[in-house]
Amino acid sequence: MSTLMDEEIKRWTAKRKAALVLEILQGKTSVAEASRAYDLPPSEIETWVNDGRKRMENALKANPQDVRDQYEHQLKDLQEAYGEAMPELRARKKCSPC
């Protein structure tokens, strides 16, 4: 395993996760070996690897959509839905004894 991983790990930062994922993708270690070495569930490491692959694919696209853009788009959609639902909710609240 890399020198980044030589010290005792108290907290798995994004940098450490990325280093481990890179070692797995390069074939320097396996999920099973990393799981034993760092006392982590294999499913957790596999999630990191899958997330890394997804984000790597997005980063290499001709027009990547970064995470902030995705969240802003989702927020806009939710705000529109909230705005559309508010008049109906207010009307129902006023007419609750009806």
N, C-alpha and C. Protein backbone atom coordinates (compact mmCIF):
# COMPACT_ATOMS: atom_id res chain seq x y z
N MET A 1 0.85 -1.18 0.00
CA MET A 1 0.00 0.00 0.00
C MET A 1 0.89 1.24 0.00
N SER A 2 0.36 2.38 -0.40
CA SER A 2 1.16 3.58 -0.58
C SER A 2 1.61 4.18 0.74
N THR A 3 2.56 5.10 0.64
CA THR A 3 3.05 5.78 1.85
C THR A 3 1.96 6.64 2.47
N LEU A 4 1.02 7.09 1.67
CA LEU A 4 -0.11 7.87 2.20
C LEU A 4 -0.91 7.04 3.18
N MET A 5 -0.87 5.73 3.01
CA MET A 5 -1.65 4.83 3.85
C MET A 5 -0.81 4.21 4.97
N ASP A 6 0.49 4.50 5.05
CA ASP A 6 1.35 3.86 6.03
C ASP A 6 1.01 4.23 7.47
N GLU A 7 0.62 5.46 7.69
CA GLU A 7 0.29 5.90 9.05
C GLU A 7 -1.04 5.32 9.50
N GLU A 8 -1.24 5.28 10.81
CA GLU A 8 -2.52 4.79 11.33
C GLU A 8 -3.61 5.79 10.95
N ILE A 9 -4.67 5.29 10.36
CA ILE A 9 -5.74 6.16 9.87
C ILE A 9 -6.83 6.27 10.92
N LYS A 10 -7.05 7.51 11.35
CA LYS A 10 -8.10 7.76 12.32
C LYS A 10 -9.36 8.25 11.63
N ARG A 11 -9.17 8.90 10.49
CA ARG A 11 -10.30 9.47 9.76
C ARG A 11 -10.05 9.30 8.27
N TRP A 12 -11.07 8.83 7.57
CA TRP A 12 -10.93 8.61 6.13
C TRP A 12 -11.32 9.88 5.39
N THR A 13 -10.34 10.71 5.11
CA THR A 13 -10.58 11.94 4.35
C THR A 13 -10.77 11.59 2.88
N ALA A 14 -11.26 12.55 2.13
CA ALA A 14 -11.45 12.34 0.69
C ALA A 14 -10.11 12.02 0.02
N LYS A 15 -9.04 12.65 0.47
CA LYS A 15 -7.72 12.41 -0.12
C LYS A 15 -7.27 10.97 0.11
N ARG A 16 -7.49 10.45 1.32
CA ARG A 16 -7.11 9.07 1.62
C ARG A 16 -7.98 8.08 0.85
N LYS A 17 -9.28 8.37 0.78
CA LYS A 17 -10.18 7.49 0.02
C LYS A 17 -9.74 7.45 -1.45
N ALA A 18 -9.43 8.62 -2.00
CA ALA A 18 -9.02 8.69 -3.41
C ALA A 18 -7.74 7.91 -3.64
N ALA A 19 -6.79 7.99 -2.70
CA ALA A 19 -5.53 7.26 -2.85
C ALA A 19 -5.79 5.75 -2.83
N LEU A 20 -6.65 5.30 -1.94
CA LEU A 20 -6.97 3.87 -1.88
C LEU A 20 -7.70 3.41 -3.14
N VAL A 21 -8.66 4.20 -3.59
CA VAL A 21 -9.40 3.86 -4.81
C VAL A 21 -8.44 3.77 -6.00
N LEU A 22 -7.52 4.71 -6.09
CA LEU A 22 -6.56 4.71 -7.18
C LEU A 22 -5.69 3.44 -7.14
N GLU A 23 -5.27 3.05 -5.94
CA GLU A 23 -4.48 1.81 -5.82
C GLU A 23 -5.28 0.60 -6.28
N ILE A 24 -6.56 0.58 -5.95
CA ILE A 24 -7.41 -0.54 -6.37
C ILE A 24 -7.58 -0.53 -7.88
N LEU A 25 -7.84 0.64 -8.45
CA LEU A 25 -8.03 0.72 -9.90
C LEU A 25 -6.75 0.38 -10.66
N GLN A 26 -5.59 0.69 -10.08
CA GLN A 26 -4.32 0.39 -10.72
C GLN A 26 -3.89 -1.07 -10.50
N GLY A 27 -4.66 -1.80 -9.69
CA GLY A 27 -4.34 -3.19 -9.44
C GLY A 27 -3.24 -3.40 -8.41
N LYS A 28 -2.88 -2.37 -7.68
CA LYS A 28 -1.84 -2.50 -6.66
C LYS A 28 -2.36 -3.22 -5.42
N THR A 29 -3.65 -3.16 -5.21
CA THR A 29 -4.29 -3.88 -4.10
C THR A 29 -5.70 -4.25 -4.53
N SER A 30 -6.36 -5.05 -3.74
CA SER A 30 -7.73 -5.43 -4.04
C SER A 30 -8.65 -4.92 -2.93
N VAL A 31 -9.93 -4.96 -3.20
CA VAL A 31 -10.90 -4.55 -2.19
C VAL A 31 -10.76 -5.44 -0.96
N ALA A 32 -10.60 -6.73 -1.17
CA ALA A 32 -10.48 -7.65 -0.04
C ALA A 32 -9.23 -7.36 0.80
N GLU A 33 -8.10 -7.11 0.13
CA GLU A 33 -6.87 -6.79 0.86
C GLU A 33 -7.01 -5.50 1.65
N ALA A 34 -7.59 -4.48 1.02
CA ALA A 34 -7.78 -3.20 1.69
C ALA A 34 -8.73 -3.34 2.86
N SER A 35 -9.75 -4.15 2.68
CA SER A 35 -10.72 -4.38 3.74
C SER A 35 -10.05 -4.97 4.97
N ARG A 36 -9.20 -5.96 4.75
CA ARG A 36 -8.47 -6.58 5.87
C ARG A 36 -7.46 -5.61 6.48
N ALA A 37 -6.73 -4.92 5.63
CA ALA A 37 -5.66 -4.04 6.10
C ALA A 37 -6.18 -2.87 6.93
N TYR A 38 -7.34 -2.35 6.57
CA TYR A 38 -7.86 -1.15 7.24
C TYR A 38 -9.11 -1.42 8.07
N ASP A 39 -9.46 -2.69 8.21
CA ASP A 39 -10.63 -3.09 9.02
C ASP A 39 -11.88 -2.32 8.59
N LEU A 40 -12.13 -2.34 7.29
CA LEU A 40 -13.31 -1.68 6.72
C LEU A 40 -14.17 -2.73 6.03
N PRO A 41 -15.48 -2.53 6.02
CA PRO A 41 -16.32 -3.47 5.27
C PRO A 41 -16.04 -3.37 3.77
N PRO A 42 -15.94 -4.49 3.08
CA PRO A 42 -15.71 -4.45 1.63
C PRO A 42 -16.75 -3.61 0.89
N SER A 43 -17.99 -3.64 1.37
CA SER A 43 -19.05 -2.88 0.70
C SER A 43 -18.77 -1.38 0.74
N GLU A 44 -18.17 -0.91 1.83
CA GLU A 44 -17.85 0.52 1.93
C GLU A 44 -16.78 0.90 0.91
N ILE A 45 -15.75 0.07 0.80
CA ILE A 45 -14.69 0.34 -0.16
C ILE A 45 -15.22 0.24 -1.58
N GLU A 46 -16.07 -0.73 -1.85
CA GLU A 46 -16.66 -0.86 -3.18
C GLU A 46 -17.50 0.36 -3.53
N THR A 47 -18.19 0.93 -2.54
CA THR A 47 -18.96 2.16 -2.77
C THR A 47 -18.03 3.30 -3.17
N TRP A 48 -16.89 3.42 -2.48
CA TRP A 48 -15.92 4.45 -2.83
C TRP A 48 -15.42 4.25 -4.26
N VAL A 49 -15.13 3.01 -4.63
CA VAL A 49 -14.62 2.72 -5.98
C VAL A 49 -15.69 3.07 -7.02
N ASN A 50 -16.92 2.67 -6.77
CA ASN A 50 -18.01 2.95 -7.72
C ASN A 50 -18.25 4.45 -7.84
N ASP A 51 -18.25 5.15 -6.71
CA ASP A 51 -18.43 6.61 -6.74
C ASP A 51 -17.29 7.27 -7.51
N GLY A 52 -16.07 6.79 -7.29
CA GLY A 52 -14.92 7.35 -8.00
C GLY A 52 -15.02 7.14 -9.50
N ARG A 53 -15.46 5.96 -9.91
CA ARG A 53 -15.63 5.69 -11.34
C ARG A 53 -16.68 6.60 -11.96
N LYS A 54 -17.81 6.78 -11.26
CA LYS A 54 -18.87 7.63 -11.79
C LYS A 54 -18.39 9.07 -11.95
N ARG A 55 -17.72 9.57 -10.93
CA ARG A 55 -17.26 10.96 -10.98
C ARG A 55 -16.12 11.14 -11.99
N MET A 56 -15.30 10.11 -12.13
CA MET A 56 -14.22 10.19 -13.11
C MET A 56 -14.81 10.27 -14.52
N GLU A 57 -15.84 9.49 -14.77
CA GLU A 57 -16.49 9.51 -16.08
C GLU A 57 -17.05 10.90 -16.36
N ASN A 58 -17.70 11.50 -15.37
CA ASN A 58 -18.26 12.83 -15.56
C ASN A 58 -17.16 13.86 -15.79
N ALA A 59 -16.04 13.73 -15.08
CA ALA A 59 -14.94 14.68 -15.22
C ALA A 59 -14.32 14.61 -16.61
N LEU A 60 -14.39 13.45 -17.25
CA LEU A 60 -13.76 13.29 -18.56
C LEU A 60 -14.70 13.56 -19.73
N LYS A 61 -15.94 13.90 -19.45
CA LYS A 61 -16.88 14.23 -20.52
C LYS A 61 -16.50 15.56 -21.14
N ALA A 62 -16.95 15.78 -22.37
CA ALA A 62 -16.63 17.03 -23.06
C ALA A 62 -17.22 18.23 -22.33
N ASN A 63 -18.42 18.08 -21.78
CA ASN A 63 -19.06 19.15 -21.04
C ASN A 63 -19.50 18.64 -19.67
N PRO A 64 -18.54 18.47 -18.75
CA PRO A 64 -18.92 17.92 -17.45
C PRO A 64 -19.84 18.87 -16.69
N GLN A 65 -20.77 18.28 -15.98
CA GLN A 65 -21.66 19.06 -15.14
C GLN A 65 -21.21 18.83 -13.71
N ASP A 66 -20.65 19.87 -13.10
CA ASP A 66 -20.12 19.64 -11.76
C ASP A 66 -21.23 19.52 -10.73
N VAL A 67 -20.86 19.10 -9.57
CA VAL A 67 -21.81 18.81 -8.51
C VAL A 67 -22.62 20.05 -8.14
N ARG A 68 -21.98 21.19 -8.07
CA ARG A 68 -22.69 22.43 -7.71
C ARG A 68 -23.80 22.73 -8.71
N ASP A 69 -23.51 22.57 -10.00
CA ASP A 69 -24.54 22.79 -11.02
C ASP A 69 -25.71 21.83 -10.84
N GLN A 70 -25.40 20.58 -10.52
CA GLN A 70 -26.45 19.59 -10.31
C GLN A 70 -27.34 19.98 -9.13
N TYR A 71 -26.71 20.38 -8.03
CA TYR A 71 -27.48 20.77 -6.85
C TYR A 71 -28.31 22.03 -7.10
N GLU A 72 -27.73 22.98 -7.82
CA GLU A 72 -28.48 24.21 -8.12
C GLU A 72 -29.70 23.90 -8.99
N HIS A 73 -29.55 22.99 -9.92
CA HIS A 73 -30.67 22.60 -10.78
C HIS A 73 -31.75 21.91 -9.95
N GLN A 74 -31.33 21.00 -9.07
CA GLN A 74 -32.30 20.31 -8.20
C GLN A 74 -33.01 21.30 -7.28
N LEU A 75 -32.25 22.25 -6.73
CA LEU A 75 -32.83 23.25 -5.84
C LEU A 75 -33.86 24.10 -6.58
N LYS A 76 -33.56 24.50 -7.79
CA LYS A 76 -34.49 25.29 -8.59
C LYS A 76 -35.79 24.50 -8.83
N ASP A 77 -35.65 23.23 -9.18
CA ASP A 77 -36.84 22.38 -9.39
C ASP A 77 -37.68 22.27 -8.13
N LEU A 78 -37.02 22.07 -7.00
CA LEU A 78 -37.75 21.95 -5.73
C LEU A 78 -38.43 23.27 -5.34
N GLN A 79 -37.76 24.39 -5.58
CA GLN A 79 -38.36 25.69 -5.28
C GLN A 79 -39.59 25.93 -6.15
N GLU A 80 -39.52 25.55 -7.42
CA GLU A 80 -40.68 25.70 -8.30
C GLU A 80 -41.84 24.83 -7.82
N ALA A 81 -41.55 23.60 -7.45
CA ALA A 81 -42.60 22.70 -6.97
C ALA A 81 -43.21 23.24 -5.68
N TYR A 82 -42.38 23.76 -4.80
CA TYR A 82 -42.86 24.34 -3.54
C TYR A 82 -43.76 25.54 -3.82
N GLY A 83 -43.33 26.39 -4.74
CA GLY A 83 -44.12 27.56 -5.09
C GLY A 83 -45.48 27.18 -5.68
N GLU A 84 -45.51 26.13 -6.46
CA GLU A 84 -46.78 25.68 -7.04
C GLU A 84 -47.69 25.05 -6.00
N ALA A 85 -47.13 24.41 -4.99
CA ALA A 85 -47.94 23.73 -3.98
C ALA A 85 -48.46 24.66 -2.89
N MET A 86 -47.80 25.77 -2.66
CA MET A 86 -48.18 26.65 -1.54
C MET A 86 -49.61 27.18 -1.62
N PRO A 87 -50.08 27.70 -2.74
CA PRO A 87 -51.46 28.20 -2.76
C PRO A 87 -52.49 27.13 -2.40
N GLU A 88 -52.27 25.92 -2.88
CA GLU A 88 -53.20 24.83 -2.56
C GLU A 88 -53.14 24.49 -1.08
N LEU A 89 -51.96 24.46 -0.51
CA LEU A 89 -51.83 24.17 0.92
C LEU A 89 -52.49 25.25 1.77
N ARG A 90 -52.34 26.51 1.39
CA ARG A 90 -52.97 27.60 2.13
C ARG A 90 -54.48 27.51 2.05
N ALA A 91 -54.99 27.18 0.86
CA ALA A 91 -56.44 27.06 0.69
C ALA A 91 -56.99 25.92 1.54
N ARG A 92 -56.28 24.81 1.57
CA ARG A 92 -56.74 23.68 2.38
C ARG A 92 -56.70 24.02 3.87
N LYS A 93 -55.69 24.77 4.28
CA LYS A 93 -55.57 25.14 5.68
C LYS A 93 -56.73 26.06 6.10
N LYS A 94 -57.09 27.00 5.24
CA LYS A 94 -58.19 27.92 5.53
C LYS A 94 -59.52 27.18 5.58
N CYS A 95 -59.63 26.15 4.78
CA CYS A 95 -60.89 25.43 4.65
C CYS A 95 -60.87 24.13 5.44
N SER A 96 -60.02 24.01 6.45
CA SER A 96 -59.89 22.74 7.17
C SER A 96 -61.19 22.28 7.83
N PRO A 97 -62.06 23.16 8.35
CA PRO A 97 -63.33 22.65 8.91
C PRO A 97 -64.34 22.27 7.85
N CYS A 98 -64.08 22.60 6.58
CA CYS A 98 -65.02 22.35 5.50
C CYS A 98 -65.36 20.91 5.35
